[in-house]
Amino acid sequence: QVQLVESGGGLVHPGGSLRLSCAASRIIFSIRSMGWYRQAPGKQRELVASINNGGSTNHADSVKGRFTISRDNAKNTVDLQMNSLKPEDTAVYYCNIVRWGVGDYWGQGTQVTVSS
């Protein structure tokens, strides 16, 4: 069973930065994409950013220019650099890995709180 472990969440002031990291418990083959989602209280989970096996990225409009997703294929890790954070970025952030023909895996989530 693969486990995804997120780290890097916390409390930050508006305008600040955080870097989230996600690591798998073992090497995963046949990865289609890796990504970060978030869920704020009372809202549905939404895609923040994703990166496919070829390195192409997709960022939600709300985070473009502020957040950057990156991955290390050899280590099966995916990071999310978050700059210029806003209170509306407050949410639980989840790591997701999709495998070809198998399904996907989710992390347990890490809390990001942006508040003065």
Protein backbone atom coordinates (compact mmCIF):
# COMPACT_ATOMS: atom_id res chain seq x y z
CA GLN A 1 0.00 0.00 0.00
CA VAL A 2 1.39 3.35 -1.02
CA GLN A 3 1.25 6.22 1.44
CA LEU A 4 1.73 9.85 0.56
CA VAL A 5 3.10 12.09 3.27
CA GLU A 6 2.74 15.86 3.02
CA SER A 7 4.78 18.38 4.94
CA GLY A 8 5.38 22.11 5.03
CA GLY A 9 2.01 23.47 6.05
CA GLY A 10 1.53 25.99 8.80
CA LEU A 11 0.50 29.50 9.72
CA VAL A 12 1.77 32.41 7.66
CA HIS A 13 0.97 36.11 7.34
CA PRO A 14 -0.60 37.45 4.17
CA GLY A 15 2.10 37.99 1.56
CA GLY A 16 4.25 35.27 3.02
CA SER A 17 5.48 32.02 1.50
CA LEU A 18 5.32 28.32 2.22
CA ARG A 19 6.64 25.27 0.44
CA LEU A 20 4.66 22.04 0.58
CA SER A 21 6.32 18.72 -0.10
CA CYS A 22 4.84 15.31 -0.76
CA ALA A 23 6.75 12.03 -0.68
CA ALA A 24 5.59 8.54 -1.45
CA SER A 25 6.41 5.66 0.88
CA ARG A 26 7.87 3.71 -2.01
CA ILE A 27 8.75 4.18 -5.65
CA ILE A 28 5.65 4.35 -7.84
CA PHE A 29 5.70 3.28 -11.46
CA SER A 30 3.44 4.30 -14.32
CA ILE A 31 2.68 7.74 -12.92
CA ARG A 32 0.31 9.73 -15.09
CA SER A 33 0.31 12.92 -13.06
CA MET A 34 1.03 14.40 -9.65
CA GLY A 35 -0.85 17.27 -8.13
CA TRP A 36 -2.03 19.34 -5.22
CA TYR A 37 -5.64 19.94 -4.24
CA ARG A 38 -7.12 22.00 -1.46
CA GLN A 39 -10.33 22.10 0.50
CA ALA A 40 -11.47 25.06 2.50
CA PRO A 41 -14.17 24.75 5.20
CA GLY A 42 -17.60 24.43 3.62
CA LYS A 43 -16.20 24.18 0.10
CA GLN A 44 -15.49 21.38 -2.33
CA ARG A 45 -12.02 20.08 -2.92
CA GLU A 46 -10.41 21.86 -5.85
CA LEU A 47 -7.37 21.36 -8.01
CA VAL A 48 -4.56 23.79 -7.23
CA ALA A 49 -1.89 22.56 -9.62
CA SER A 50 -0.81 19.43 -11.43
CA ILE A 51 2.18 18.22 -13.39
CA ASN A 52 2.19 15.32 -15.82
CA ASN A 53 4.89 12.81 -16.59
CA GLY A 54 6.24 15.00 -19.34
CA GLY A 55 6.63 17.94 -17.02
CA SER A 56 3.73 20.00 -18.32
CA THR A 57 2.01 21.94 -15.56
CA ASN A 58 -1.45 23.25 -14.95
CA HIS A 59 -2.22 25.86 -12.30
CA ALA A 60 -5.63 27.07 -11.20
CA ASP A 61 -6.35 30.63 -12.26
CA SER A 62 -6.56 31.71 -8.62
CA VAL A 63 -2.93 30.76 -7.99
CA LYS A 64 -1.25 31.50 -11.32
CA GLY A 65 1.81 33.63 -10.89
CA ARG A 66 1.95 32.89 -7.15
CA PHE A 67 2.21 29.09 -6.85
CA THR A 68 4.57 26.76 -8.69
CA ILE A 69 4.39 22.98 -8.78
CA SER A 70 7.48 20.86 -9.37
CA ARG A 71 8.38 17.19 -9.19
CA ASP A 72 11.34 14.89 -8.83
CA ASN A 73 10.68 11.82 -10.92
CA ALA A 74 13.49 9.79 -9.42
CA LYS A 75 12.29 10.37 -5.88
CA ASN A 76 8.55 10.41 -6.60
CA THR A 77 8.17 13.71 -4.80
CA VAL A 78 6.07 16.70 -5.72
CA ASP A 79 6.40 20.16 -4.22
CA LEU A 80 4.25 23.26 -4.24
CA GLN A 81 5.96 26.60 -3.76
CA MET A 82 3.41 29.13 -2.58
CA ASN A 83 4.27 32.83 -2.64
CA SER A 84 2.23 35.96 -1.99
CA LEU A 85 -0.21 33.97 0.09
CA LYS A 86 -3.67 35.38 0.69
CA PRO A 87 -6.25 34.61 3.40
CA GLU A 88 -8.37 32.90 0.75
CA ASP A 89 -5.58 30.35 0.28
CA THR A 90 -6.38 28.99 3.74
CA ALA A 91 -7.32 25.32 3.35
CA VAL A 92 -6.20 21.77 3.87
CA TYR A 93 -3.87 20.89 1.02
CA TYR A 94 -3.76 17.34 -0.33
CA CYS A 95 -1.20 15.61 -2.47
CA ASN A 96 -2.47 13.35 -5.26
CA ILE A 97 -0.73 10.86 -7.56
CA VAL A 98 -2.51 9.27 -10.50
CA ARG A 99 -1.25 6.06 -12.03
CA TRP A 100 -2.04 4.78 -15.49
CA GLY A 101 -4.66 2.05 -15.31
CA VAL A 102 -4.52 1.73 -11.53
CA GLY A 103 -6.15 4.71 -9.91
CA ASP A 104 -4.87 7.36 -7.62
CA TYR A 105 -3.45 7.94 -4.16
CA TRP A 106 -4.11 10.73 -1.68
CA GLY A 107 -2.16 12.13 1.20
CA GLN A 108 -3.68 12.85 4.59
CA GLY A 109 -3.60 16.60 4.07
CA THR A 110 -1.67 19.47 5.58
CA GLN A 111 -3.22 22.64 6.95
CA VAL A 112 -2.26 26.00 5.49
CA THR A 113 -3.55 29.04 7.33
CA VAL A 114 -2.97 32.56 6.05
CA SER A 115 -3.85 35.13 8.67
CA SER A 116 -2.56 38.30 10.20
